[in-house]
PDB file of all heavy atoms in Angstrom:
ATOM      1  N   LYS A   1     218.007 190.599 267.451  1.00  0.00           N
ATOM      2  CA  LYS A   1     217.416 191.945 267.477  1.00  0.00           C
ATOM      3  C   LYS A   1     217.877 192.843 266.359  1.00  0.00           C
ATOM      4  O   LYS A   1     217.069 193.561 265.684  1.00  0.00           O
ATOM      5  CB  LYS A   1     217.727 192.537 268.866  1.00  0.00           C
ATOM      6  CG  LYS A   1     217.092 193.904 269.084  1.00  0.00           C
ATOM      7  CD  LYS A   1     217.451 194.468 270.485  1.00  0.00           C
ATOM      8  CE  LYS A   1     216.882 195.871 270.656  1.00  0.00           C
ATOM      9  NZ  LYS A   1     217.272 196.450 272.003  1.00  0.00           N
ATOM     10  N   LEU A   2     219.220 192.798 266.085  1.00  0.00           N
ATOM     11  CA  LEU A   2     219.706 193.592 264.988  1.00  0.00           C
ATOM     12  C   LEU A   2     219.231 193.132 263.644  1.00  0.00           C
ATOM     13  O   LEU A   2     218.991 193.981 262.745  1.00  0.00           O
ATOM     14  CB  LEU A   2     221.272 193.569 265.025  1.00  0.00           C
ATOM     15  CG  LEU A   2     221.955 194.264 266.151  1.00  0.00           C
ATOM     16  CD1 LEU A   2     223.407 194.123 266.149  1.00  0.00           C
ATOM     17  CD2 LEU A   2     221.589 195.741 266.245  1.00  0.00           C
ATOM     18  N   ILE A   3     219.010 191.821 263.452  1.00  0.00           N
ATOM     19  CA  ILE A   3     218.530 191.316 262.217  1.00  0.00           C
ATOM     20  C   ILE A   3     217.049 191.687 261.997  1.00  0.00           C
ATOM     21  O   ILE A   3     216.639 192.110 260.925  1.00  0.00           O
ATOM     22  CB  ILE A   3     218.712 189.826 262.132  1.00  0.00           C
ATOM     23  CG1 ILE A   3     220.202 189.435 262.010  1.00  0.00           C
ATOM     24  CG2 ILE A   3     217.924 189.165 260.936  1.00  0.00           C
ATOM     25  CD1 ILE A   3     220.513 188.003 262.236  1.00  0.00           C
ATOM     26  N   GLN A   4     216.305 191.651 263.110  1.00  0.00           N
ATOM     27  CA  GLN A   4     214.879 192.029 262.985  1.00  0.00           C
ATOM     28  C   GLN A   4     214.747 193.490 262.582  1.00  0.00           C
ATOM     29  O   GLN A   4     213.832 193.849 261.821  1.00  0.00           O
ATOM     30  CB  GLN A   4     214.213 191.779 264.353  1.00  0.00           C
ATOM     31  CG  GLN A   4     213.958 190.336 264.651  1.00  0.00           C
ATOM     32  CD  GLN A   4     213.723 190.046 266.102  1.00  0.00           C
ATOM     33  OE1 GLN A   4     213.788 190.949 266.903  1.00  0.00           O
ATOM     34  NE2 GLN A   4     213.430 188.809 266.453  1.00  0.00           N
ATOM     35  N   GLN A   5     215.688 194.364 263.035  1.00  0.00           N
ATOM     36  CA  GLN A   5     215.670 195.799 262.719  1.00  0.00           C
ATOM     37  C   GLN A   5     215.919 195.953 261.197  1.00  0.00           C
ATOM     38  O   GLN A   5     215.469 196.934 260.545  1.00  0.00           O
ATOM     39  CB  GLN A   5     216.674 196.565 263.519  1.00  0.00           C
ATOM     40  CG  GLN A   5     216.257 196.772 264.943  1.00  0.00           C
ATOM     41  CD  GLN A   5     217.386 197.382 265.795  1.00  0.00           C
ATOM     42  OE1 GLN A   5     217.667 196.948 266.874  1.00  0.00           O
ATOM     43  NE2 GLN A   5     218.073 198.374 265.247  1.00  0.00           N
ATOM     44  N   LEU A   6     216.688 195.065 260.614  1.00  0.00           N
ATOM     45  CA  LEU A   6     216.982 195.137 259.179  1.00  0.00           C
ATOM     46  C   LEU A   6     215.766 194.738 258.281  1.00  0.00           C
ATOM     47  O   LEU A   6     215.724 195.074 257.112  1.00  0.00           O
ATOM     48  CB  LEU A   6     218.155 194.172 258.837  1.00  0.00           C
ATOM     49  CG  LEU A   6     219.525 194.681 259.164  1.00  0.00           C
ATOM     50  CD1 LEU A   6     220.603 193.614 258.811  1.00  0.00           C
ATOM     51  CD2 LEU A   6     219.905 196.066 258.551  1.00  0.00           C
ATOM     52  N   ASN A   7     214.821 194.004 258.892  1.00  0.00           N
ATOM     53  CA  ASN A   7     213.606 193.643 258.198  1.00  0.00           C
ATOM     54  C   ASN A   7     213.939 192.815 256.923  1.00  0.00           C
ATOM     55  O   ASN A   7     213.563 193.152 255.851  1.00  0.00           O
ATOM     56  CB  ASN A   7     212.776 194.866 257.869  1.00  0.00           C
ATOM     57  CG  ASN A   7     211.339 194.590 257.604  1.00  0.00           C
ATOM     58  OD1 ASN A   7     210.872 193.448 257.680  1.00  0.00           O
ATOM     59  ND2 ASN A   7     210.574 195.593 257.300  1.00  0.00           N
ATOM     60  N   VAL A   8     214.673 191.696 257.168  1.00  0.00           N
ATOM     61  CA  VAL A   8     215.097 190.840 256.060  1.00  0.00           C
ATOM     62  C   VAL A   8     214.078 189.729 255.774  1.00  0.00           C
ATOM     63  O   VAL A   8     213.827 188.904 256.657  1.00  0.00           O
ATOM     64  CB  VAL A   8     216.472 190.176 256.419  1.00  0.00           C
ATOM     65  CG1 VAL A   8     216.930 189.237 255.331  1.00  0.00           C
ATOM     66  CG2 VAL A   8     217.534 191.232 256.650  1.00  0.00           C
ATOM     67  N   PRO A   9     213.411 189.703 254.582  1.00  0.00           N
ATOM     68  CA  PRO A   9     212.350 188.751 254.374  1.00  0.00           C
ATOM     69  C   PRO A   9     212.790 187.322 254.013  1.00  0.00           C
ATOM     70  O   PRO A   9     212.035 186.393 254.193  1.00  0.00           O
ATOM     71  CB  PRO A   9     211.587 189.397 253.205  1.00  0.00           C
ATOM     72  CG  PRO A   9     212.607 190.218 252.473  1.00  0.00           C
ATOM     73  CD  PRO A   9     213.612 190.647 253.479  1.00  0.00           C
ATOM     74  N   ILE A  10     213.991 187.160 253.408  1.00  0.00           N
ATOM     75  CA  ILE A  10     214.500 185.844 253.140  1.00  0.00           C
ATOM     76  C   ILE A  10     215.993 185.793 253.481  1.00  0.00           C
ATOM     77  O   ILE A  10     216.678 186.825 253.393  1.00  0.00           O
ATOM     78  CB  ILE A  10     214.314 185.392 251.653  1.00  0.00           C
ATOM     79  CG1 ILE A  10     215.017 186.407 250.685  1.00  0.00           C
ATOM     80  CG2 ILE A  10     212.869 185.142 251.309  1.00  0.00           C
ATOM     81  CD1 ILE A  10     215.310 185.772 249.384  1.00  0.00           C
ATOM     82  N   VAL A  11     216.464 184.598 253.820  1.00  0.00           N
ATOM     83  CA  VAL A  11     217.910 184.375 254.020  1.00  0.00           C
ATOM     84  C   VAL A  11     218.290 183.113 253.261  1.00  0.00           C
ATOM     85  O   VAL A  11     217.702 182.044 253.464  1.00  0.00           O
ATOM     86  CB  VAL A  11     218.247 184.250 255.542  1.00  0.00           C
ATOM     87  CG1 VAL A  11     219.733 183.944 255.689  1.00  0.00           C
ATOM     88  CG2 VAL A  11     217.929 185.545 256.261  1.00  0.00           C
ATOM     89  N   ARG A  12     219.279 183.279 252.356  1.00  0.00           N
ATOM     90  CA  ARG A  12     219.808 182.127 251.644  1.00  0.00           C
ATOM     91  C   ARG A  12     220.678 181.292 252.498  1.00  0.00           C
ATOM     92  O   ARG A  12     221.468 181.792 253.261  1.00  0.00           O
ATOM     93  CB  ARG A  12     220.592 182.708 250.432  1.00  0.00           C
ATOM     94  CG  ARG A  12     221.147 181.694 249.463  1.00  0.00           C
ATOM     95  CD  ARG A  12     221.618 182.415 248.214  1.00  0.00           C
ATOM     96  NE  ARG A  12     222.371 181.576 247.318  1.00  0.00           N
ATOM     97  CZ  ARG A  12     223.667 181.643 247.063  1.00  0.00           C
ATOM     98  NH1 ARG A  12     224.389 182.634 247.664  1.00  0.00           N
ATOM     99  NH2 ARG A  12     224.247 180.869 246.236  1.00  0.00           N
ATOM    100  N   TYR A  13     220.546 179.930 252.365  1.00  0.00           N
ATOM    101  CA  TYR A  13     221.266 179.005 253.253  1.00  0.00           C
ATOM    102  C   TYR A  13     221.312 177.629 252.565  1.00  0.00           C
ATOM    103  O   TYR A  13     220.447 177.330 251.788  1.00  0.00           O
ATOM    104  CB  TYR A  13     220.433 178.864 254.578  1.00  0.00           C
ATOM    105  CG  TYR A  13     220.936 177.856 255.547  1.00  0.00           C
ATOM    106  CD1 TYR A  13     221.967 178.140 256.418  1.00  0.00           C
ATOM    107  CD2 TYR A  13     220.411 176.602 255.551  1.00  0.00           C
ATOM    108  CE1 TYR A  13     222.467 177.212 257.321  1.00  0.00           C
ATOM    109  CE2 TYR A  13     220.887 175.607 256.422  1.00  0.00           C
ATOM    110  CZ  TYR A  13     221.903 175.932 257.282  1.00  0.00           C
ATOM    111  OH  TYR A  13     222.386 174.970 258.154  1.00  0.00           O
ATOM    112  N   PRO A  14     222.350 176.819 252.759  1.00  0.00           N
ATOM    113  CA  PRO A  14     223.508 176.955 253.661  1.00  0.00           C
ATOM    114  C   PRO A  14     224.792 177.397 252.912  1.00  0.00           C
ATOM    115  O   PRO A  14     225.891 177.365 253.441  1.00  0.00           O
ATOM    116  CB  PRO A  14     223.699 175.538 254.154  1.00  0.00           C
ATOM    117  CG  PRO A  14     223.316 174.686 253.028  1.00  0.00           C
ATOM    118  CD  PRO A  14     222.215 175.400 252.260  1.00  0.00           C
ATOM    119  N   GLY A  15     224.647 177.808 251.688  1.00  0.00           N
ATOM    120  CA  GLY A  15     225.781 178.248 250.888  1.00  0.00           C
ATOM    121  C   GLY A  15     225.272 178.628 249.506  1.00  0.00           C
ATOM    122  O   GLY A  15     224.111 178.294 249.198  1.00  0.00           O
ATOM    123  N   GLY A  16     226.121 179.283 248.699  1.00  0.00           N
ATOM    124  CA  GLY A  16     227.608 179.382 248.865  1.00  0.00           C
ATOM    125  C   GLY A  16     228.354 178.153 248.488  1.00  0.00           C
ATOM    126  O   GLY A  16     227.830 177.040 248.281  1.00  0.00           O
ATOM    127  N   ASN A  17     229.677 178.334 248.411  1.00  0.00           N
ATOM    128  CA  ASN A  17     230.576 177.239 248.053  1.00  0.00           C
ATOM    129  C   ASN A  17     230.400 176.060 248.930  1.00  0.00           C
ATOM    130  O   ASN A  17     230.533 174.852 248.489  1.00  0.00           O
ATOM    131  CB  ASN A  17     232.047 177.705 248.082  1.00  0.00           C
ATOM    132  CG  ASN A  17     232.306 178.823 247.119  1.00  0.00           C
ATOM    133  OD1 ASN A  17     231.554 179.103 246.169  1.00  0.00           O
ATOM    134  ND2 ASN A  17     233.443 179.477 247.276  1.00  0.00           N
ATOM    135  N   PHE A  18     230.029 176.229 250.198  1.00  0.00           N
ATOM    136  CA  PHE A  18     229.870 175.206 251.159  1.00  0.00           C
ATOM    137  C   PHE A  18     228.825 174.160 250.655  1.00  0.00           C
ATOM    138  O   PHE A  18     229.029 172.958 250.867  1.00  0.00           O
ATOM    139  CB  PHE A  18     229.405 175.779 252.525  1.00  0.00           C
ATOM    140  CG  PHE A  18     228.995 174.755 253.552  1.00  0.00           C
ATOM    141  CD1 PHE A  18     230.002 174.078 254.262  1.00  0.00           C
ATOM    142  CD2 PHE A  18     227.688 174.438 253.779  1.00  0.00           C
ATOM    143  CE1 PHE A  18     229.620 173.146 255.213  1.00  0.00           C
ATOM    144  CE2 PHE A  18     227.268 173.523 254.679  1.00  0.00           C
ATOM    145  CZ  PHE A  18     228.263 172.858 255.445  1.00  0.00           C
ATOM    146  N   VAL A  19     227.752 174.598 250.034  1.00  0.00           N
ATOM    147  CA  VAL A  19     226.652 173.655 249.667  1.00  0.00           C
ATOM    148  C   VAL A  19     227.065 172.634 248.681  1.00  0.00           C
ATOM    149  O   VAL A  19     226.515 171.548 248.621  1.00  0.00           O
ATOM    150  CB  VAL A  19     225.431 174.461 249.189  1.00  0.00           C
ATOM    151  CG1 VAL A  19     225.569 174.858 247.709  1.00  0.00           C
ATOM    152  CG2 VAL A  19     224.188 173.644 249.381  1.00  0.00           C
ATOM    153  N   SER A  20     228.137 172.899 247.901  1.00  0.00           N
ATOM    154  CA  SER A  20     228.497 171.954 246.826  1.00  0.00           C
ATOM    155  C   SER A  20     229.173 170.696 247.312  1.00  0.00           C
ATOM    156  O   SER A  20     229.469 169.822 246.509  1.00  0.00           O
ATOM    157  CB  SER A  20     229.401 172.694 245.780  1.00  0.00           C
ATOM    158  OG  SER A  20     228.636 173.676 245.116  1.00  0.00           O
ATOM    159  N   GLY A  21     229.441 170.588 248.639  1.00  0.00           N
ATOM    160  CA  GLY A  21     229.879 169.356 249.192  1.00  0.00           C
ATOM    161  C   GLY A  21     229.076 168.899 250.388  1.00  0.00           C
ATOM    162  O   GLY A  21     229.505 168.004 251.082  1.00  0.00           O
ATOM    163  N   TYR A  22     227.934 169.499 250.587  1.00  0.00           N
ATOM    164  CA  TYR A  22     227.157 169.340 251.846  1.00  0.00           C
ATOM    165  C   TYR A  22     226.163 168.199 251.735  1.00  0.00           C
ATOM    166  O   TYR A  22     225.470 168.100 250.751  1.00  0.00           O
ATOM    167  CB  TYR A  22     226.433 170.637 252.168  1.00  0.00           C
ATOM    168  CG  TYR A  22     225.659 170.675 253.480  1.00  0.00           C
ATOM    169  CD1 TYR A  22     226.247 170.227 254.632  1.00  0.00           C
ATOM    170  CD2 TYR A  22     224.358 171.170 253.500  1.00  0.00           C
ATOM    171  CE1 TYR A  22     225.542 170.337 255.840  1.00  0.00           C
ATOM    172  CE2 TYR A  22     223.661 171.202 254.697  1.00  0.00           C
ATOM    173  CZ  TYR A  22     224.239 170.782 255.844  1.00  0.00           C
ATOM    174  OH  TYR A  22     223.520 170.843 257.033  1.00  0.00           O
ATOM    175  N   HIS A  23     226.147 167.370 252.754  1.00  0.00           N
ATOM    176  CA  HIS A  23     225.073 166.368 252.944  1.00  0.00           C
ATOM    177  C   HIS A  23     224.136 166.892 253.992  1.00  0.00           C
ATOM    178  O   HIS A  23     224.473 166.877 255.230  1.00  0.00           O
ATOM    179  CB  HIS A  23     225.690 164.992 253.396  1.00  0.00           C
ATOM    180  CG  HIS A  23     226.427 164.336 252.270  1.00  0.00           C
ATOM    181  ND1 HIS A  23     226.582 162.955 252.206  1.00  0.00           N
ATOM    182  CD2 HIS A  23     227.048 164.801 251.154  1.00  0.00           C
ATOM    183  CE1 HIS A  23     227.277 162.626 251.136  1.00  0.00           C
ATOM    184  NE2 HIS A  23     227.560 163.737 250.504  1.00  0.00           N
ATOM    185  N   TRP A  24     222.952 167.324 253.628  1.00  0.00           N
ATOM    186  CA  TRP A  24     222.046 167.968 254.567  1.00  0.00           C
ATOM    187  C   TRP A  24     221.668 167.011 255.676  1.00  0.00           C
ATOM    188  O   TRP A  24     221.361 167.381 256.816  1.00  0.00           O
ATOM    189  CB  TRP A  24     220.797 168.533 253.842  1.00  0.00           C
ATOM    190  CG  TRP A  24     219.975 167.443 253.133  1.00  0.00           C
ATOM    191  CD1 TRP A  24     220.115 167.024 251.848  1.00  0.00           C
ATOM    192  CD2 TRP A  24     218.927 166.658 253.689  1.00  0.00           C
ATOM    193  NE1 TRP A  24     219.217 166.053 251.583  1.00  0.00           N
ATOM    194  CE2 TRP A  24     218.433 165.802 252.696  1.00  0.00           C
ATOM    195  CE3 TRP A  24     218.304 166.624 254.975  1.00  0.00           C
ATOM    196  CZ2 TRP A  24     217.407 164.894 252.910  1.00  0.00           C
ATOM    197  CZ3 TRP A  24     217.252 165.739 255.153  1.00  0.00           C
ATOM    198  CH2 TRP A  24     216.830 164.885 254.104  1.00  0.00           C
ATOM    199  N   GLU A  25     221.699 165.705 255.398  1.00  0.00           N
ATOM    200  CA  GLU A  25     221.319 164.681 256.423  1.00  0.00           C
ATOM    201  C   GLU A  25     222.261 164.700 257.572  1.00  0.00           C
ATOM    202  O   GLU A  25     221.946 164.270 258.698  1.00  0.00           O
ATOM    203  CB  GLU A  25     221.277 163.268 255.809  1.00  0.00           C
ATOM    204  CG  GLU A  25     220.443 163.101 254.572  1.00  0.00           C
ATOM    205  CD  GLU A  25     221.152 163.338 253.280  1.00  0.00           C
ATOM    206  OE1 GLU A  25     222.092 164.106 253.209  1.00  0.00           O
ATOM    207  OE2 GLU A  25     220.765 162.672 252.240  1.00  0.00           O
TER     208      GLU A  25
END
C-alpha cells in the first residue's frame, strides 16, 4: 500500500553488489 502511494514505475532487481555472484536459476 505504501509503495503504491509512491507511484514507482520501475524497480531495479536483484542488485546491486548481490547480483555479481547470483545464479538466477
